[in-house]
Structures are given as structure tokens and as C-alpha cells.
Amino acid sequence: MTMSSTSGLTRRALLGAFAATAVVASPTYSNAAGFLRGGGDIRRIRMYSGRTGERIDMVYWVDGKYIKDAVKEVNHFMRDWRTDQVKDMDLRTIDIMAAAHNLLDVNEPYMLLSGYRSPKTNAMLRSRSRRVAKNSLHMKGQAADLRLSSRSVSQMARAAISCRAGGVGKYSRSNFVHMDCGEVRSWGG
């Protein structure tokens, strides 16, 4: 995933330097869109995957514009790890995740349990659990299942619900929160 140039700088290093500059130069909270209170003039996503061992800490939006290469890396990170299929994630879902993370005021990255799911993966999971939707928004790249060790499921869900931008499911027994950019609704316990 890292590409080198003749100058010895990698694309990741260049994006990282840009992100560090943007983080220092931009206020954390600003007049962001109402549904992304706390989104700021920059939007950053921090996640790791226990399945693949990968980590991502990426500024993907600055002053009203998505950073194409950063979004591409986020899409790859959130791929169906079982099939290695990548889908363009709905940026509204990434925005909800970033805004909720910002509202939680934590440095800990999300643990991504599930982002994009291929139809094959969704069918397999559905055969094992009646709690997996037949037409899951995961298959459209519009949902993520996330966990934080430093915050409870209830705290994470409250932050996501306060964005008023999509669906939020609490799965307390499994210790994760589902966030999506579908209809505004919430469920679970």
C-alpha cells in the first residue's frame, strides 16, 4: 500500500505530514454541519483491525473537501477481510464515525469489527445469526460495527445518536456499536 517516490518520501509519510500540519493549524471544533457537530474543519478517522492487524490514522477531509487518496485508504481498510473485496464506503458513514469519535474525546482508535461485507460474507453471517439483516447496509458500504475499550457501548451509542445522521445499534452483550448512514433510528440494549 505504500508507494515510494524518487525523493524517498512515501505517499503515507506525505499524507501524515499534511495531516499533522492540518491538525495543528485547524481548530478541533468549529462551525461544522449541524449533523456533524464536533466534526471540525478537518475530519480524521482512527481505527485498527484485530482481524488483519492493520491500523489507520487518517485525515480524510479538510476545509470542505475529501482527500481522494485518504478516502481510498479508508475504503481499503474497511474492506471485507474474508474475501478481500473493497467497496467505496459511503462517506456519510465515515463522517458519522469521525464525529462520534470526536464527541467521545478519546485518542484510542476504533476497533473495526465489520465495515463492508460482500453478499457472500453477509449470507454466511446471516446463516449463523438471526441478528444479521438480509439486506444489510454493510453490503452497500454504508455501515460499520465498532468498539472502544475506553468507552462503554452506551457512551458510544449516545455520541453517534447525537449526530442525528443515521442508524445506531447497541450490542451490549457483544460489546460493539453499529453506525450507519441510513434512516435516523436506534435499537438494541
N, C-alpha and C. Protein backbone atom coordinates (compact mmCIF):
# COMPACT_ATOMS: atom_id res chain seq x y z
N MET A 1 0.81 -1.19 0.00
CA MET A 1 0.00 0.00 0.00
C MET A 1 0.85 1.25 0.00
N THR A 2 2.11 1.17 0.46
CA THR A 2 2.97 2.34 0.48
C THR A 2 3.72 2.43 -0.83
N MET A 3 3.71 3.60 -1.44
CA MET A 3 4.39 3.81 -2.70
C MET A 3 5.53 4.79 -2.47
N SER A 4 6.70 4.47 -3.00
CA SER A 4 7.86 5.34 -2.82
C SER A 4 8.05 6.23 -4.03
N SER A 5 8.55 7.40 -3.80
CA SER A 5 8.92 8.29 -4.89
C SER A 5 10.44 8.36 -4.94
N THR A 6 10.97 9.00 -5.93
CA THR A 6 12.42 9.10 -6.05
C THR A 6 13.02 9.94 -4.94
N SER A 7 12.25 10.76 -4.30
CA SER A 7 12.78 11.60 -3.22
C SER A 7 12.88 10.84 -1.91
N GLY A 8 12.40 9.60 -1.87
CA GLY A 8 12.47 8.81 -0.65
C GLY A 8 11.26 8.98 0.25
N LEU A 9 10.38 9.91 -0.07
CA LEU A 9 9.16 10.09 0.72
C LEU A 9 8.10 9.12 0.24
N THR A 10 7.41 8.50 1.17
CA THR A 10 6.29 7.65 0.78
C THR A 10 5.03 8.48 0.76
N ARG A 11 4.04 8.00 0.04
CA ARG A 11 2.75 8.68 0.00
C ARG A 11 2.17 8.78 1.40
N ARG A 12 2.31 7.70 2.18
CA ARG A 12 1.79 7.69 3.55
C ARG A 12 2.49 8.75 4.40
N ALA A 13 3.81 8.88 4.25
CA ALA A 13 4.55 9.88 5.02
C ALA A 13 4.11 11.29 4.63
N LEU A 14 3.91 11.50 3.34
CA LEU A 14 3.46 12.80 2.87
C LEU A 14 2.07 13.13 3.42
N LEU A 15 1.15 12.15 3.35
CA LEU A 15 -0.20 12.37 3.91
C LEU A 15 -0.12 12.60 5.41
N GLY A 16 0.77 11.84 6.08
CA GLY A 16 0.93 12.01 7.52
C GLY A 16 1.42 13.40 7.89
N ALA A 17 2.40 13.89 7.12
CA ALA A 17 2.92 15.23 7.37
C ALA A 17 1.83 16.28 7.14
N PHE A 18 1.07 16.09 6.06
CA PHE A 18 -0.04 17.01 5.78
C PHE A 18 -1.04 16.96 6.92
N ALA A 19 -1.37 15.74 7.38
CA ALA A 19 -2.35 15.60 8.45
C ALA A 19 -1.87 16.28 9.72
N ALA A 20 -0.60 16.09 10.06
CA ALA A 20 -0.06 16.71 11.27
C ALA A 20 -0.15 18.22 11.17
N THR A 21 0.17 18.78 10.00
CA THR A 21 0.07 20.22 9.80
C THR A 21 -1.37 20.67 9.92
N ALA A 22 -2.29 19.92 9.31
CA ALA A 22 -3.70 20.30 9.34
C ALA A 22 -4.25 20.22 10.75
N VAL A 23 -3.83 19.22 11.52
CA VAL A 23 -4.32 19.07 12.89
C VAL A 23 -3.86 20.23 13.75
N VAL A 24 -2.61 20.64 13.58
CA VAL A 24 -2.07 21.75 14.37
C VAL A 24 -2.70 23.07 13.95
N ALA A 25 -2.90 23.23 12.64
CA ALA A 25 -3.39 24.51 12.12
C ALA A 25 -4.89 24.70 12.24
N SER A 26 -5.64 23.62 12.41
CA SER A 26 -7.09 23.71 12.43
C SER A 26 -7.64 23.56 13.83
N PRO A 27 -8.71 24.29 14.15
CA PRO A 27 -9.35 24.10 15.45
C PRO A 27 -10.05 22.75 15.48
N THR A 28 -10.14 22.17 16.66
CA THR A 28 -10.80 20.87 16.79
C THR A 28 -12.30 21.01 16.59
N TYR A 29 -12.90 22.03 17.12
CA TYR A 29 -14.33 22.24 16.98
C TYR A 29 -14.57 23.53 16.21
N SER A 30 -15.49 23.50 15.29
CA SER A 30 -15.80 24.71 14.53
C SER A 30 -17.26 24.70 14.14
N ASN A 31 -17.61 25.52 13.18
CA ASN A 31 -18.99 25.60 12.70
C ASN A 31 -19.22 24.54 11.63
N ALA A 32 -19.06 23.28 11.98
CA ALA A 32 -19.30 22.18 11.04
C ALA A 32 -20.80 22.02 10.85
N ALA A 33 -21.16 21.23 9.85
CA ALA A 33 -22.58 20.96 9.58
C ALA A 33 -23.25 20.48 10.85
N GLY A 34 -24.52 20.83 11.01
CA GLY A 34 -25.26 20.51 12.23
C GLY A 34 -25.23 19.04 12.60
N PHE A 35 -25.36 18.14 11.63
CA PHE A 35 -25.38 16.72 11.97
C PHE A 35 -23.99 16.19 12.29
N LEU A 36 -22.97 16.99 12.09
CA LEU A 36 -21.62 16.57 12.42
C LEU A 36 -21.00 17.50 13.45
N ARG A 37 -21.81 17.90 14.43
CA ARG A 37 -21.26 18.73 15.48
C ARG A 37 -19.99 18.08 16.00
N GLY A 38 -18.94 18.84 16.09
CA GLY A 38 -17.68 18.29 16.55
C GLY A 38 -16.85 17.76 15.40
N GLY A 39 -17.35 17.82 14.17
CA GLY A 39 -16.59 17.32 13.03
C GLY A 39 -15.38 18.18 12.73
N GLY A 40 -15.48 19.50 12.95
CA GLY A 40 -14.36 20.40 12.77
C GLY A 40 -14.04 20.72 11.33
N ASP A 41 -13.02 21.55 11.14
CA ASP A 41 -12.55 21.92 9.80
C ASP A 41 -11.76 20.78 9.18
N ILE A 42 -11.40 19.82 9.98
CA ILE A 42 -10.77 18.61 9.48
C ILE A 42 -11.58 17.43 9.98
N ARG A 43 -11.51 16.36 9.25
CA ARG A 43 -12.14 15.12 9.72
C ARG A 43 -11.08 14.04 9.66
N ARG A 44 -10.98 13.34 10.78
CA ARG A 44 -9.93 12.34 10.94
C ARG A 44 -10.57 11.04 11.41
N ILE A 45 -10.08 9.94 10.90
CA ILE A 45 -10.57 8.64 11.34
C ILE A 45 -9.40 7.80 11.82
N ARG A 46 -9.58 7.19 12.99
CA ARG A 46 -8.55 6.34 13.59
C ARG A 46 -9.16 4.99 13.90
N MET A 47 -8.59 3.94 13.30
CA MET A 47 -9.12 2.59 13.52
C MET A 47 -7.99 1.57 13.47
N TYR A 48 -8.28 0.41 14.04
CA TYR A 48 -7.41 -0.74 13.84
C TYR A 48 -8.29 -1.96 13.65
N SER A 49 -7.72 -2.97 13.04
CA SER A 49 -8.45 -4.22 12.80
C SER A 49 -7.73 -5.35 13.51
N GLY A 50 -8.43 -6.00 14.43
CA GLY A 50 -7.89 -7.18 15.09
C GLY A 50 -7.77 -8.36 14.13
N ARG A 51 -8.55 -8.34 13.05
CA ARG A 51 -8.54 -9.43 12.06
C ARG A 51 -7.32 -9.38 11.17
N THR A 52 -6.95 -8.18 10.71
CA THR A 52 -5.84 -8.05 9.76
C THR A 52 -4.57 -7.49 10.40
N GLY A 53 -4.70 -6.92 11.60
CA GLY A 53 -3.55 -6.30 12.25
C GLY A 53 -3.24 -4.90 11.71
N GLU A 54 -4.06 -4.41 10.79
CA GLU A 54 -3.82 -3.10 10.19
C GLU A 54 -4.32 -1.98 11.08
N ARG A 55 -3.69 -0.82 10.91
CA ARG A 55 -4.09 0.40 11.61
C ARG A 55 -4.19 1.52 10.60
N ILE A 56 -5.07 2.47 10.91
CA ILE A 56 -5.19 3.65 10.06
C ILE A 56 -5.45 4.85 10.96
N ASP A 57 -4.77 5.92 10.68
CA ASP A 57 -4.96 7.20 11.37
C ASP A 57 -4.86 8.24 10.27
N MET A 58 -6.01 8.71 9.80
CA MET A 58 -6.04 9.43 8.54
C MET A 58 -6.93 10.66 8.60
N VAL A 59 -6.37 11.81 8.25
CA VAL A 59 -7.19 12.98 7.97
C VAL A 59 -7.69 12.77 6.55
N TYR A 60 -9.01 12.74 6.39
CA TYR A 60 -9.58 12.41 5.08
C TYR A 60 -10.41 13.56 4.49
N TRP A 61 -10.55 14.64 5.24
CA TRP A 61 -11.35 15.79 4.81
C TRP A 61 -10.76 17.04 5.42
N VAL A 62 -10.55 18.06 4.60
CA VAL A 62 -10.02 19.34 5.09
C VAL A 62 -10.79 20.46 4.42
N ASP A 63 -11.29 21.37 5.23
CA ASP A 63 -11.98 22.57 4.74
C ASP A 63 -12.97 22.31 3.62
N GLY A 64 -13.84 21.34 3.83
CA GLY A 64 -14.92 21.08 2.89
C GLY A 64 -14.59 20.17 1.74
N LYS A 65 -13.39 19.58 1.73
CA LYS A 65 -13.02 18.71 0.62
C LYS A 65 -12.45 17.39 1.13
N TYR A 66 -12.94 16.31 0.51
CA TYR A 66 -12.40 15.00 0.82
C TYR A 66 -11.06 14.82 0.12
N ILE A 67 -10.13 14.17 0.79
CA ILE A 67 -8.81 13.89 0.24
C ILE A 67 -8.89 12.52 -0.44
N LYS A 68 -8.82 12.52 -1.75
CA LYS A 68 -9.07 11.31 -2.55
C LYS A 68 -8.20 10.13 -2.12
N ASP A 69 -6.90 10.32 -1.97
CA ASP A 69 -6.02 9.21 -1.59
C ASP A 69 -6.31 8.69 -0.18
N ALA A 70 -6.67 9.60 0.71
CA ALA A 70 -7.00 9.19 2.08
C ALA A 70 -8.29 8.36 2.08
N VAL A 71 -9.29 8.80 1.34
CA VAL A 71 -10.56 8.07 1.25
C VAL A 71 -10.31 6.68 0.65
N LYS A 72 -9.44 6.60 -0.34
CA LYS A 72 -9.11 5.31 -0.95
C LYS A 72 -8.50 4.36 0.08
N GLU A 73 -7.63 4.89 0.95
CA GLU A 73 -7.04 4.06 2.01
C GLU A 73 -8.08 3.62 3.03
N VAL A 74 -9.00 4.52 3.36
CA VAL A 74 -10.07 4.16 4.30
C VAL A 74 -10.93 3.05 3.69
N ASN A 75 -11.26 3.17 2.41
CA ASN A 75 -12.04 2.12 1.74
C ASN A 75 -11.32 0.78 1.79
N HIS A 76 -10.02 0.79 1.52
CA HIS A 76 -9.25 -0.46 1.56
C HIS A 76 -9.23 -1.03 2.98
N PHE A 77 -9.04 -0.18 3.95
CA PHE A 77 -9.01 -0.63 5.35
C PHE A 77 -10.34 -1.28 5.74
N MET A 78 -11.46 -0.70 5.28
CA MET A 78 -12.78 -1.18 5.68
C MET A 78 -13.31 -2.30 4.78
N ARG A 79 -12.45 -2.88 3.97
CA ARG A 79 -12.84 -3.95 3.05
C ARG A 79 -13.36 -5.17 3.80
N ASP A 80 -14.00 -6.07 3.05
CA ASP A 80 -14.41 -7.37 3.59
C ASP A 80 -13.14 -8.21 3.72
N TRP A 81 -12.66 -8.37 4.93
CA TRP A 81 -11.39 -9.06 5.14
C TRP A 81 -11.47 -10.55 4.81
N ARG A 82 -12.68 -11.10 4.80
CA ARG A 82 -12.82 -12.52 4.46
C ARG A 82 -12.60 -12.77 2.97
N THR A 83 -13.07 -11.86 2.12
CA THR A 83 -12.96 -12.03 0.67
C THR A 83 -11.95 -11.08 0.04
N ASP A 84 -11.45 -10.13 0.81
CA ASP A 84 -10.53 -9.10 0.37
C ASP A 84 -11.16 -8.16 -0.66
N GLN A 85 -12.49 -8.11 -0.71
CA GLN A 85 -13.19 -7.21 -1.62
C GLN A 85 -13.28 -5.81 -1.02
N VAL A 86 -13.02 -4.82 -1.86
CA VAL A 86 -13.08 -3.41 -1.45
C VAL A 86 -14.29 -2.77 -2.11
N LYS A 87 -14.98 -1.93 -1.36
CA LYS A 87 -16.11 -1.16 -1.89
C LYS A 87 -15.93 0.28 -1.42
N ASP A 88 -16.33 1.21 -2.25
CA ASP A 88 -16.31 2.60 -1.81
C ASP A 88 -17.31 2.75 -0.68
N MET A 89 -16.82 3.13 0.48
CA MET A 89 -17.70 3.34 1.62
C MET A 89 -18.45 4.65 1.43
N ASP A 90 -19.68 4.68 1.90
CA ASP A 90 -20.46 5.91 1.86
C ASP A 90 -19.80 6.89 2.83
N LEU A 91 -19.39 8.02 2.32
CA LEU A 91 -18.65 8.98 3.13
C LEU A 91 -19.47 9.52 4.30
N ARG A 92 -20.78 9.46 4.19
CA ARG A 92 -21.62 9.90 5.32
C ARG A 92 -21.38 9.00 6.53
N THR A 93 -21.18 7.71 6.31
CA THR A 93 -20.91 6.80 7.42
C THR A 93 -19.57 7.13 8.06
N ILE A 94 -18.56 7.38 7.26
CA ILE A 94 -17.24 7.75 7.79
C ILE A 94 -17.36 9.04 8.58
N ASP A 95 -18.13 10.00 8.06
CA ASP A 95 -18.32 11.27 8.77
C ASP A 95 -19.00 11.06 10.13
N ILE A 96 -20.00 10.20 10.18
CA ILE A 96 -20.69 9.91 11.44
C ILE A 96 -19.71 9.28 12.43
N MET A 97 -18.93 8.32 11.95
CA MET A 97 -17.94 7.67 12.81
C MET A 97 -16.95 8.68 13.37
N ALA A 98 -16.44 9.56 12.50
CA ALA A 98 -15.45 10.55 12.92
C ALA A 98 -16.05 11.55 13.91
N ALA A 99 -17.27 12.01 13.63
CA ALA A 99 -17.91 12.98 14.52
C ALA A 99 -18.19 12.36 15.89
N ALA A 100 -18.69 11.12 15.91
CA ALA A 100 -18.96 10.45 17.19
C ALA A 100 -17.65 10.25 17.97
N HIS A 101 -16.60 9.86 17.27
CA HIS A 101 -15.29 9.66 17.93
C HIS A 101 -14.80 10.98 18.52
N ASN A 102 -14.96 12.06 17.79
CA ASN A 102 -14.56 13.38 18.27
C ASN A 102 -15.37 13.77 19.51
N LEU A 103 -16.66 13.50 19.49
CA LEU A 103 -17.52 13.83 20.64
C LEU A 103 -17.14 13.02 21.88
N LEU A 104 -16.60 11.83 21.68
CA LEU A 104 -16.20 10.99 22.80
C LEU A 104 -14.90 11.45 23.45
N ASP A 105 -14.18 12.34 22.77
CA ASP A 105 -12.95 12.92 23.29
C ASP A 105 -11.96 11.84 23.74
N VAL A 106 -11.65 10.92 22.82
CA VAL A 106 -10.68 9.87 23.08
C VAL A 106 -9.59 9.88 22.01
N ASN A 107 -8.41 9.41 22.39
CA ASN A 107 -7.33 9.23 21.41
C ASN A 107 -7.28 7.80 20.91
N GLU A 108 -7.90 6.91 21.63
CA GLU A 108 -7.92 5.49 21.25
C GLU A 108 -8.61 5.31 19.90
N PRO A 109 -8.01 4.54 19.01
CA PRO A 109 -8.69 4.29 17.73
C PRO A 109 -9.85 3.32 17.91
N TYR A 110 -10.83 3.43 17.02
CA TYR A 110 -11.89 2.43 17.00
C TYR A 110 -11.28 1.07 16.64
N MET A 111 -11.85 0.02 17.19
CA MET A 111 -11.59 -1.32 16.66
C MET A 111 -12.70 -1.57 15.65
N LEU A 112 -12.33 -1.78 14.40
CA LEU A 112 -13.31 -2.08 13.36
C LEU A 112 -13.60 -3.57 13.37
N LEU A 113 -14.84 -3.91 13.64
CA LEU A 113 -15.25 -5.31 13.61
C LEU A 113 -15.78 -5.68 12.24
N SER A 114 -16.51 -4.75 11.62
CA SER A 114 -17.09 -5.00 10.30
C SER A 114 -17.36 -3.68 9.61
N GLY A 115 -16.87 -3.56 8.39
CA GLY A 115 -17.18 -2.41 7.54
C GLY A 115 -17.99 -2.94 6.36
N TYR A 116 -17.37 -2.92 5.17
CA TYR A 116 -18.04 -3.50 4.01
C TYR A 116 -18.13 -5.02 4.19
N ARG A 117 -19.27 -5.57 3.80
CA ARG A 117 -19.46 -7.03 3.76
C ARG A 117 -19.94 -7.41 2.37
N SER A 118 -19.27 -8.35 1.76
CA SER A 118 -19.73 -8.86 0.47
C SER A 118 -21.03 -9.62 0.70
N PRO A 119 -21.85 -9.79 -0.33
CA PRO A 119 -23.07 -10.59 -0.18
C PRO A 119 -22.77 -12.01 0.34
N LYS A 120 -21.65 -12.58 -0.11
CA LYS A 120 -21.26 -13.93 0.34
C LYS A 120 -21.00 -13.94 1.85
N THR A 121 -20.25 -12.96 2.33
CA THR A 121 -19.96 -12.87 3.77
C THR A 121 -21.24 -12.62 4.55
N ASN A 122 -22.09 -11.72 4.07
CA ASN A 122 -23.33 -11.41 4.78
C ASN A 122 -24.22 -12.65 4.87
N ALA A 123 -24.30 -13.43 3.79
CA ALA A 123 -25.11 -14.66 3.80
C ALA A 123 -24.56 -15.66 4.81
N MET A 124 -23.24 -15.79 4.87
CA MET A 124 -22.62 -16.70 5.83
C MET A 124 -22.93 -16.25 7.26
N LEU A 125 -22.77 -14.97 7.55
CA LEU A 125 -23.06 -14.47 8.89
C LEU A 125 -24.54 -14.60 9.23
N ARG A 126 -25.38 -14.36 8.25
CA ARG A 126 -26.83 -14.50 8.44
C ARG A 126 -27.22 -15.94 8.77
N SER A 127 -26.52 -16.89 8.19
CA SER A 127 -26.81 -18.30 8.47
C SER A 127 -26.45 -18.68 9.91
N ARG A 128 -25.58 -17.87 10.53
CA ARG A 128 -25.12 -18.14 11.90
C ARG A 128 -25.87 -17.33 12.96
N SER A 129 -26.53 -16.23 12.52
CA SER A 129 -27.21 -15.36 13.48
C SER A 129 -28.43 -14.71 12.85
N ARG A 130 -29.52 -14.73 13.56
CA ARG A 130 -30.74 -14.09 13.06
C ARG A 130 -30.66 -12.57 13.21
N ARG A 131 -29.62 -12.07 13.87
CA ARG A 131 -29.47 -10.62 14.05
C ARG A 131 -28.78 -9.94 12.86
N VAL A 132 -28.41 -10.71 11.84
CA VAL A 132 -27.78 -10.14 10.64
C VAL A 132 -28.87 -9.90 9.60
N ALA A 133 -29.00 -8.67 9.15
CA ALA A 133 -30.06 -8.30 8.20
C ALA A 133 -29.78 -8.88 6.81
N LYS A 134 -30.84 -9.34 6.16
CA LYS A 134 -30.72 -9.89 4.81
C LYS A 134 -30.19 -8.84 3.84
N ASN A 135 -30.70 -7.62 3.94
CA ASN A 135 -30.26 -6.52 3.07
C ASN A 135 -29.42 -5.52 3.86
N SER A 136 -28.45 -6.02 4.58
CA SER A 136 -27.62 -5.21 5.46
C SER A 136 -26.98 -4.03 4.74
N LEU A 137 -26.96 -2.89 5.41
CA LEU A 137 -26.29 -1.71 4.86
C LEU A 137 -24.78 -1.92 4.76
N HIS A 138 -24.26 -2.93 5.46
CA HIS A 138 -22.84 -3.27 5.31
C HIS A 138 -22.53 -3.63 3.86
N MET A 139 -23.47 -4.29 3.17
CA MET A 139 -23.25 -4.72 1.78
C MET A 139 -23.24 -3.53 0.82
N LYS A 140 -23.76 -2.39 1.25
CA LYS A 140 -23.75 -1.19 0.42
C LYS A 140 -22.60 -0.25 0.79
N GLY A 141 -21.80 -0.67 1.77
CA GLY A 141 -20.72 0.21 2.23
C GLY A 141 -21.24 1.38 3.04
N GLN A 142 -22.37 1.16 3.73
CA GLN A 142 -23.00 2.25 4.47
C GLN A 142 -23.05 2.01 5.97
N ALA A 143 -22.27 1.04 6.48
CA ALA A 143 -22.36 0.72 7.90
C ALA A 143 -21.01 0.23 8.43
N ALA A 144 -20.84 0.37 9.73
CA ALA A 144 -19.65 -0.13 10.42
C ALA A 144 -20.03 -0.58 11.81
N ASP A 145 -19.39 -1.64 12.27
CA ASP A 145 -19.52 -2.11 13.65
C ASP A 145 -18.20 -1.81 14.34
N LEU A 146 -18.29 -1.10 15.48
CA LEU A 146 -17.11 -0.53 16.11
C LEU A 146 -17.09 -0.77 17.61
N ARG A 147 -15.89 -0.75 18.16
CA ARG A 147 -15.71 -0.95 19.60
C ARG A 147 -14.60 -0.01 20.08
N LEU A 148 -14.73 0.45 21.33
CA LEU A 148 -13.67 1.18 22.03
C LEU A 148 -13.52 0.54 23.41
N SER A 149 -12.29 0.29 23.82
CA SER A 149 -12.11 -0.31 25.15
C SER A 149 -12.27 0.73 26.26
N SER A 150 -12.07 2.02 25.94
CA SER A 150 -12.13 3.06 26.97
C SER A 150 -13.52 3.68 27.12
N ARG A 151 -14.47 3.27 26.30
CA ARG A 151 -15.83 3.80 26.39
C ARG A 151 -16.82 2.66 26.31
N SER A 152 -17.92 2.82 27.01
CA SER A 152 -18.96 1.79 27.02
C SER A 152 -19.76 1.84 25.72
N VAL A 153 -20.49 0.78 25.47
CA VAL A 153 -21.39 0.73 24.32
C VAL A 153 -22.40 1.87 24.43
N SER A 154 -22.91 2.11 25.62
CA SER A 154 -23.88 3.19 25.82
C SER A 154 -23.29 4.56 25.51
N GLN A 155 -22.06 4.80 25.94
CA GLN A 155 -21.42 6.09 25.66
C GLN A 155 -21.21 6.27 24.16
N MET A 156 -20.75 5.22 23.49
CA MET A 156 -20.53 5.30 22.04
C MET A 156 -21.85 5.54 21.31
N ALA A 157 -22.87 4.81 21.71
CA ALA A 157 -24.17 4.95 21.06
C ALA A 157 -24.73 6.35 21.26
N ARG A 158 -24.62 6.90 22.47
CA ARG A 158 -25.12 8.26 22.72
C ARG A 158 -24.41 9.28 21.82
N ALA A 159 -23.10 9.12 21.66
CA ALA A 159 -22.35 10.05 20.79
C ALA A 159 -22.84 9.94 19.35
N ALA A 160 -23.00 8.73 18.87
CA ALA A 160 -23.46 8.53 17.48
C ALA A 160 -24.89 9.03 17.30
N ILE A 161 -25.76 8.75 18.27
CA ILE A 161 -27.15 9.21 18.19
C ILE A 161 -27.21 10.73 18.16
N SER A 162 -26.33 11.39 18.91
CA SER A 162 -26.36 12.85 18.98
C SER A 162 -26.02 13.49 17.63
N CYS A 163 -25.40 12.73 16.72
CA CYS A 163 -25.12 13.25 15.37
C CYS A 163 -26.40 13.36 14.55
N ARG A 164 -27.44 12.63 14.94
CA ARG A 164 -28.74 12.64 14.25
C ARG A 164 -28.59 12.48 12.73
N ALA A 165 -27.80 11.46 12.34
CA ALA A 165 -27.48 11.33 10.92
C ALA A 165 -27.69 9.93 10.37
N GLY A 166 -28.09 8.96 11.18
CA GLY A 166 -28.25 7.60 10.67
C GLY A 166 -28.66 6.64 11.75
N GLY A 167 -28.48 5.37 11.48
CA GLY A 167 -28.86 4.33 12.41
C GLY A 167 -27.75 4.01 13.40
N VAL A 168 -28.16 3.73 14.63
CA VAL A 168 -27.22 3.38 15.69
C VAL A 168 -27.78 2.18 16.44
N GLY A 169 -27.02 1.10 16.43
CA GLY A 169 -27.43 -0.11 17.14
C GLY A 169 -26.48 -0.41 18.28
N LYS A 170 -27.05 -0.65 19.46
CA LYS A 170 -26.26 -1.03 20.64
C LYS A 170 -26.28 -2.55 20.77
N TYR A 171 -25.11 -3.14 20.82
CA TYR A 171 -24.98 -4.58 21.02
C TYR A 171 -24.12 -4.79 22.26
N SER A 172 -24.75 -4.58 23.41
CA SER A 172 -24.02 -4.60 24.69
C SER A 172 -23.40 -5.95 24.99
N ARG A 173 -24.12 -7.04 24.74
CA ARG A 173 -23.56 -8.37 25.04
C ARG A 173 -22.34 -8.68 24.18
N SER A 174 -22.32 -8.17 22.96
CA SER A 174 -21.18 -8.38 22.07
C SER A 174 -20.18 -7.22 22.11
N ASN A 175 -20.49 -6.20 22.88
CA ASN A 175 -19.61 -5.06 23.12
C ASN A 175 -19.23 -4.31 21.84
N PHE A 176 -20.24 -3.92 21.06
CA PHE A 176 -19.96 -3.06 19.91
C PHE A 176 -21.17 -2.20 19.57
N VAL A 177 -20.91 -1.17 18.78
CA VAL A 177 -21.95 -0.26 18.30
C VAL A 177 -21.94 -0.28 16.78
N HIS A 178 -23.13 -0.38 16.21
CA HIS A 178 -23.32 -0.31 14.76
C HIS A 178 -23.65 1.14 14.43
N MET A 179 -22.97 1.70 13.42
CA MET A 179 -23.28 3.06 12.94
C MET A 179 -23.49 2.97 11.43
N ASP A 180 -24.55 3.61 10.95
CA ASP A 180 -24.79 3.63 9.51
C ASP A 180 -25.38 4.97 9.10
N CYS A 181 -25.43 5.19 7.79
CA CYS A 181 -25.96 6.45 7.26
C CYS A 181 -27.36 6.28 6.69
N GLY A 182 -28.05 5.24 7.12
CA GLY A 182 -29.44 5.03 6.70
C GLY A 182 -30.38 5.96 7.45
N GLU A 183 -31.64 5.53 7.57
CA GLU A 183 -32.62 6.33 8.30
C GLU A 183 -32.17 6.57 9.73
N VAL A 184 -32.55 7.71 10.29
CA VAL A 184 -32.22 8.02 11.68
C VAL A 184 -33.09 7.13 12.55
N ARG A 185 -32.46 6.24 13.31
CA ARG A 185 -33.15 5.31 14.19
C ARG A 185 -32.12 4.72 15.15
N SER A 186 -32.60 4.08 16.20
CA SER A 186 -31.69 3.41 17.13
C SER A 186 -32.39 2.17 17.68
N TRP A 187 -31.59 1.20 18.11
CA TRP A 187 -32.11 -0.05 18.63
C TRP A 187 -31.07 -0.69 19.53
N GLY A 188 -31.48 -1.72 20.22
CA GLY A 188 -30.57 -2.54 21.00
C GLY A 188 -30.53 -2.16 22.47
N GLY A 189 -29.74 -2.95 23.16
CA GLY A 189 -29.64 -2.73 24.60
C GLY A 189 -28.35 -3.20 25.16
